[in-house]
C-alpha cells in the first residue's frame, strides 16, 4: 500500500545515459505508477549533483558498478541495490567449468558480462571513430579460431573438449555446464522479477535451446522457486530480474540483472505484473 505522505524517489543512472534511453528500462514503467500514487520521481544522471530523496535506487547498467556510484548512494537514507557491485557470470554462476575439468556433458560458451556486454558497448559509443575502429579490430582478431564471430554470441558444445582452447584464455567469455529445462521439443527459462517483497515469475517456452525474445512461443505465470527467492537476499538484490531453469528438479540460476530491460508493451497482463512489482517499493517506507 502506498504511504499517505508523498515521498521522493531517486533513480541513479550512469552519467552517459540520457532521458531518451529511459523507455528501454522496466523501471520507467514502475516510476509511472509511483507518480500516479502521488510521489515525486527524479532521474539522476551521474554523481555530480546531489538531489535529496527519501529513497535512491541504484540503476547503473554495467556489469561492474563503479565505486563512485555506490559511494554516492550511501548519502541517502535508503539506497536500493547499493550492495550489488558485480554481476558478471564469473561472480554469479555456480556452474562454471575450466578447460582441465572432468565433465562429460554439454557446455555453453557465454559472455562474462551481463546481456552479452551490450550496455558497455553502448556507453563506449562516444569514443572517437579511430578508437571504435581499433576496438572492432581487436574483437574480430581475438574471435578468430573460436567458432564465435563475436563475443556477443552464445554457442553450445557437445563436450568440454570441443571448446576451442582460445576461449579459456580470455576473461570476456565463460564456459558453463549446459543444464536446460526441457519438455519434449520445448526449452524453458523462468523470469523472476522483483522489487522488495513484491515479485512476479513467468515461464517462457521456446523450440530453440537458447531461449530468446525472438524465439518465445508461449508465456505462463508461475510461482518462483524458493531457492531463487532466497538467492535474491543472498546476492543482496532489492530490485532486478533472475533468469533460471529447473534441471533435474533443481533450480539453476542463469543470469542476475539489476537494470531490467522492457519492451514498450502495455498489455493488461504485463501492466498488472508491473503494478504489483511497483508496490514493492512501499515496504521500504514502513
Protein backbone atom coordinates (compact mmCIF):
# COMPACT_ATOMS: atom_id res chain seq x y z
CA UNK A 1 0.00 0.00 0.00
CA UNK A 2 1.30 3.46 -0.92
CA UNK A 3 2.19 5.67 2.06
CA UNK A 4 -0.17 8.60 2.58
CA UNK A 5 2.68 11.08 2.86
CA UNK A 6 4.17 11.80 -0.59
CA UNK A 7 7.73 10.55 -0.90
CA UNK A 8 10.63 11.50 -3.15
CA UNK A 9 12.23 8.63 -5.06
CA UNK A 10 15.56 8.97 -6.86
CA UNK A 11 16.75 6.70 -9.65
CA UNK A 12 20.51 6.86 -10.19
CA UNK A 13 21.73 6.18 -13.74
CA UNK A 14 25.11 6.32 -15.41
CA UNK A 15 26.22 9.80 -16.42
CA UNK A 16 26.29 8.75 -20.10
CA UNK A 17 22.69 7.59 -20.08
CA UNK A 18 20.16 10.03 -21.45
CA UNK A 19 16.45 10.61 -20.92
CA UNK A 20 15.68 9.26 -24.37
CA UNK A 21 17.05 5.88 -23.26
CA UNK A 22 14.76 5.55 -20.25
CA UNK A 23 11.94 3.80 -22.11
CA UNK A 24 14.30 0.84 -22.65
CA UNK A 25 14.08 0.03 -18.93
CA UNK A 26 11.29 -1.54 -16.89
CA UNK A 27 11.96 0.91 -14.05
CA UNK A 28 10.31 3.72 -16.05
CA UNK A 29 7.00 1.84 -16.08
CA UNK A 30 7.22 1.34 -12.32
CA UNK A 31 8.03 5.02 -11.87
CA UNK A 32 4.82 5.92 -13.70
CA UNK A 33 2.84 4.05 -11.04
CA UNK A 34 4.70 5.84 -8.25
CA UNK A 35 3.86 9.20 -9.80
CA UNK A 36 0.23 8.16 -10.20
CA UNK A 37 0.25 7.36 -6.47
CA UNK A 38 1.32 10.94 -5.74
CA UNK A 39 5.05 10.53 -5.27
CA UNK A 40 7.88 12.50 -6.85
CA UNK A 41 10.43 10.68 -9.01
CA UNK A 42 13.80 12.14 -10.01
CA UNK A 43 16.24 10.64 -12.50
CA UNK A 44 19.86 11.39 -11.59
CA UNK A 45 22.49 11.08 -14.33
CA UNK A 46 25.86 10.70 -12.66
CA UNK A 47 27.03 11.75 -9.23
CA UNK A 48 27.88 15.42 -9.71
CA UNK A 49 24.60 16.73 -8.32
CA UNK A 50 23.02 15.52 -5.09
CA UNK A 51 19.21 15.65 -5.17
CA UNK A 52 17.58 14.97 -1.79
CA UNK A 53 15.26 11.95 -1.77
CA UNK A 54 13.69 9.57 0.73
CA UNK A 55 14.97 6.60 -1.29
CA UNK A 56 17.50 6.07 -4.06
CA UNK A 57 17.53 3.11 -6.44
CA UNK A 58 20.95 2.43 -7.97
CA UNK A 59 20.31 1.70 -11.66
CA UNK A 60 23.75 1.58 -13.29
CA UNK A 61 23.53 -0.52 -16.44
CA UNK A 62 27.00 -2.05 -16.25
CA UNK A 63 28.11 -5.49 -15.09
CA UNK A 64 30.51 -3.88 -12.61
CA UNK A 65 29.26 -0.71 -10.92
CA UNK A 66 31.96 1.96 -10.45
CA UNK A 67 32.68 2.67 -6.78
CA UNK A 68 31.77 6.35 -7.14
CA UNK A 69 28.10 5.44 -7.70
CA UNK A 70 27.93 3.15 -4.69
CA UNK A 71 29.63 5.75 -2.51
CA UNK A 72 27.17 8.39 -3.76
CA UNK A 73 24.24 6.09 -2.90
CA UNK A 74 25.38 5.91 0.74
CA UNK A 75 24.40 9.56 1.15
CA UNK A 76 20.72 8.56 1.01
CA UNK A 77 18.68 7.21 3.95
CA UNK A 78 17.54 4.23 1.86
CA UNK A 79 19.64 3.01 -1.08
CA UNK A 80 18.33 0.02 -3.05
CA UNK A 81 20.81 -2.28 -4.81
CA UNK A 82 23.69 -0.43 -3.16
CA UNK A 83 25.12 -3.83 -2.18
CA UNK A 84 25.23 -5.13 -5.77
CA UNK A 85 28.53 -4.25 -7.43
CA UNK A 86 29.48 -7.15 -9.73
CA UNK A 87 27.02 -9.31 -11.71
CA UNK A 88 29.47 -10.89 -14.14
CA UNK A 89 28.80 -14.57 -14.69
CA UNK A 90 32.23 -15.36 -13.29
CA UNK A 91 30.89 -13.99 -9.98
CA UNK A 92 27.27 -15.21 -10.12
CA UNK A 93 27.40 -18.64 -11.77
CA UNK A 94 27.90 -21.85 -9.80
CA UNK A 95 28.21 -23.99 -12.96
CA UNK A 96 31.46 -22.77 -14.49
CA UNK A 97 33.87 -25.31 -15.92
CA UNK A 98 37.57 -24.99 -16.70
CA UNK A 99 39.50 -26.48 -19.56
CA UNK A 100 41.04 -29.26 -17.46
CA UNK A 101 37.86 -30.17 -15.53
CA UNK A 102 36.45 -33.67 -15.79
CA UNK A 103 32.96 -33.14 -17.20
CA UNK A 104 31.25 -35.21 -19.90
CA UNK A 105 28.05 -33.21 -20.51
CA UNK A 106 27.24 -30.42 -22.93
CA UNK A 107 28.64 -26.96 -22.21
CA UNK A 108 27.74 -23.46 -23.34
CA UNK A 109 30.04 -20.51 -24.00
CA UNK A 110 28.67 -17.16 -22.83
CA UNK A 111 29.91 -13.63 -22.41
CA UNK A 112 31.12 -12.90 -18.91
CA UNK A 113 29.39 -9.51 -18.98
CA UNK A 114 25.65 -9.23 -18.48
CA UNK A 115 23.38 -9.05 -21.57
CA UNK A 116 26.28 -10.02 -23.85
CA UNK A 117 28.15 -6.84 -22.92
CA UNK A 118 25.72 -4.60 -24.83
CA UNK A 119 25.46 -1.92 -22.08
CA UNK A 120 29.23 -1.50 -22.01
CA UNK A 121 29.30 -1.20 -25.80
CA UNK A 122 26.55 1.42 -25.78
CA UNK A 123 28.35 3.60 -23.25
CA UNK A 124 31.53 3.41 -25.31
CA UNK A 125 29.87 4.80 -28.43
CA UNK A 126 31.17 8.24 -27.54
CA UNK A 127 34.68 7.11 -28.36
CA UNK A 128 36.30 8.71 -31.37
CA UNK A 129 35.88 6.97 -34.71
CA UNK A 130 39.51 5.85 -34.57
CA UNK A 131 39.13 4.18 -31.16
CA UNK A 132 35.90 2.45 -32.23
CA UNK A 133 37.66 1.09 -35.30
CA UNK A 134 40.56 -0.22 -33.20
CA UNK A 135 38.14 -1.80 -30.72
CA UNK A 136 36.24 -3.54 -33.54
CA UNK A 137 39.51 -4.86 -34.97
CA UNK A 138 40.52 -6.17 -31.54
CA UNK A 139 37.23 -8.05 -31.16
CA UNK A 140 37.49 -9.50 -34.66
CA UNK A 141 41.11 -10.62 -34.31
CA UNK A 142 40.59 -12.21 -30.90
CA UNK A 143 37.49 -14.07 -32.05
CA UNK A 144 39.32 -15.93 -34.81
CA UNK A 145 39.55 -19.66 -34.23
CA UNK A 146 36.88 -19.79 -31.53
CA UNK A 147 33.86 -20.71 -33.65
CA UNK A 148 32.19 -17.49 -32.48
CA UNK A 149 32.06 -14.47 -34.75
CA UNK A 150 31.87 -12.01 -31.86
CA UNK A 151 31.81 -12.25 -28.05
CA UNK A 152 28.08 -11.45 -28.16
CA UNK A 153 27.14 -14.92 -29.41
CA UNK A 154 26.39 -17.99 -27.30
CA UNK A 155 27.26 -21.46 -28.51
CA UNK A 156 26.54 -24.93 -27.20
CA UNK A 157 29.19 -27.66 -27.49
CA UNK A 158 28.59 -31.39 -27.18
CA UNK A 159 31.55 -31.82 -24.84
CA UNK A 160 34.08 -29.70 -22.99
CA UNK A 161 36.96 -30.86 -25.19
CA UNK A 162 35.19 -29.36 -28.25
CA UNK A 163 35.54 -25.83 -26.90
CA UNK A 164 38.45 -24.01 -28.62
CA UNK A 165 41.35 -23.52 -26.24
CA UNK A 166 41.43 -19.80 -27.07
CA UNK A 167 38.12 -19.37 -25.23
CA UNK A 168 39.71 -20.34 -21.91
CA UNK A 169 42.48 -17.77 -22.35
CA UNK A 170 40.06 -14.84 -22.34
CA UNK A 171 38.26 -13.16 -19.48
CA UNK A 172 35.32 -11.90 -21.56
CA UNK A 173 33.89 -15.41 -22.05
CA UNK A 174 32.92 -18.11 -19.59
CA UNK A 175 32.13 -21.78 -20.10
CA UNK A 176 29.20 -23.26 -18.17
CA UNK A 177 27.58 -26.64 -17.93
CA UNK A 178 24.58 -26.63 -20.26
CA UNK A 179 21.70 -27.55 -17.95
CA UNK A 180 18.46 -26.92 -19.82
CA UNK A 181 14.87 -27.19 -18.69
CA UNK A 182 13.31 -29.28 -21.43
CA UNK A 183 9.99 -30.99 -22.07
CA UNK A 184 9.72 -32.78 -25.39
CA UNK A 185 10.75 -30.37 -28.14
CA UNK A 186 10.44 -27.29 -25.94
CA UNK A 187 13.00 -25.49 -23.80
CA UNK A 188 12.07 -23.19 -20.93
CA UNK A 189 13.52 -20.27 -19.00
CA UNK A 190 11.91 -18.75 -15.92
CA UNK A 191 11.99 -14.99 -15.26
CA UNK A 192 11.77 -13.96 -11.60
CA UNK A 193 11.26 -10.17 -11.41
CA UNK A 194 11.10 -8.38 -8.10
CA UNK A 195 11.23 -5.17 -6.13
CA UNK A 196 11.49 -5.60 -2.39
CA UNK A 197 8.83 -8.05 -1.22
CA UNK A 198 6.74 -7.91 -4.41
CA UNK A 199 7.62 -10.27 -7.23
CA UNK A 200 6.27 -11.96 -10.35
CA UNK A 201 7.52 -15.03 -12.15
CA UNK A 202 6.89 -16.27 -15.69
CA UNK A 203 7.93 -19.36 -17.62
CA UNK A 204 8.95 -18.80 -21.24
CA UNK A 205 8.84 -21.59 -23.82
CA UNK A 206 10.91 -21.88 -27.00
CA UNK A 207 11.82 -24.54 -29.53
CA UNK A 208 15.37 -23.18 -29.51
CA UNK A 209 17.68 -24.39 -26.72
CA UNK A 210 18.84 -20.78 -26.22
CA UNK A 211 15.61 -19.06 -25.26
CA UNK A 212 15.45 -15.50 -26.64
CA UNK A 213 12.69 -12.94 -27.03
CA UNK A 214 12.52 -13.69 -30.75
CA UNK A 215 12.01 -17.44 -30.24
CA UNK A 216 9.43 -17.43 -27.41
CA UNK A 217 6.21 -19.22 -28.32
CA UNK A 218 4.34 -19.02 -25.00
CA UNK A 219 4.44 -17.39 -21.57
CA UNK A 220 2.77 -18.58 -18.38
CA UNK A 221 2.68 -17.12 -14.88
CA UNK A 222 4.12 -19.38 -12.19
CA UNK A 223 5.25 -19.28 -8.58
CA UNK A 224 9.01 -18.68 -8.13
CA UNK A 225 11.20 -21.41 -6.66
CA UNK A 226 12.01 -20.73 -3.01
CA UNK A 227 15.75 -21.13 -3.58
CA UNK A 228 15.65 -18.40 -6.22
CA UNK A 229 13.79 -16.11 -3.81
CA UNK A 230 16.49 -16.83 -1.26
CA UNK A 231 19.15 -16.00 -3.85
CA UNK A 232 17.68 -12.52 -4.06
CA UNK A 233 18.56 -11.97 -0.40
CA UNK A 234 21.87 -13.81 -0.58
CA UNK A 235 23.09 -11.70 -3.52
CA UNK A 236 21.81 -8.51 -1.84
CA UNK A 237 19.39 -7.57 -4.63
CA UNK A 238 16.50 -5.24 -3.86
CA UNK A 239 15.39 -4.84 -7.47
CA UNK A 240 16.01 -6.85 -10.60
CA UNK A 241 15.37 -10.00 -12.60
CA UNK A 242 16.80 -13.50 -12.24
CA UNK A 243 16.68 -15.96 -15.14
CA UNK A 244 16.72 -19.59 -14.07
CA UNK A 245 15.70 -23.10 -15.08
CA UNK A 246 14.68 -26.25 -13.26
CA UNK A 247 17.07 -29.03 -14.26
CA UNK A 248 16.66 -32.49 -12.75
CA UNK A 249 14.37 -30.96 -10.15
CA UNK A 250 16.88 -28.33 -9.02
CA UNK A 251 16.87 -24.58 -9.75
CA UNK A 252 19.83 -23.31 -11.77
CA UNK A 253 20.44 -19.56 -11.79
CA UNK A 254 21.47 -18.44 -15.27
CA UNK A 255 21.60 -14.68 -15.02
CA UNK A 256 21.11 -11.88 -12.47
CA UNK A 257 20.13 -8.47 -13.84
CA UNK A 258 19.76 -5.28 -11.80
CA UNK A 259 18.65 -2.98 -14.66
CA UNK A 260 15.83 -4.94 -16.25
CA UNK A 261 15.01 -4.01 -19.81
CA UNK A 262 11.49 -3.61 -21.17
CA UNK A 263 9.59 -3.70 -24.42
CA UNK A 264 7.21 -0.81 -24.89
CA UNK A 265 4.23 -3.08 -24.37
CA UNK A 266 1.22 -2.27 -22.24
CA UNK A 267 -0.90 -5.40 -22.26
CA UNK A 268 -3.29 -5.77 -19.30
CA UNK A 269 -1.39 -8.82 -18.03
CA UNK A 270 2.01 -7.13 -18.23
CA UNK A 271 0.70 -3.92 -16.69
CA UNK A 272 -0.74 -5.90 -13.78
CA UNK A 273 2.63 -7.56 -13.14
CA UNK A 274 4.39 -4.21 -13.30
CA UNK A 275 1.86 -2.63 -10.95
CA UNK A 276 2.40 -5.43 -8.44
CA UNK A 277 6.18 -5.06 -8.53
CA UNK A 278 5.93 -1.27 -8.25
CA UNK A 279 4.16 -1.70 -4.92
CA UNK A 280 7.28 -3.37 -3.56
CA UNK A 281 8.98 -0.03 -3.03
CA UNK A 282 6.48 0.93 -0.37
CA UNK A 283 7.69 -1.76 2.02
CA UNK A 284 10.85 0.33 2.49
CA UNK A 285 8.78 3.22 3.84
CA UNK A 286 7.05 1.27 6.62
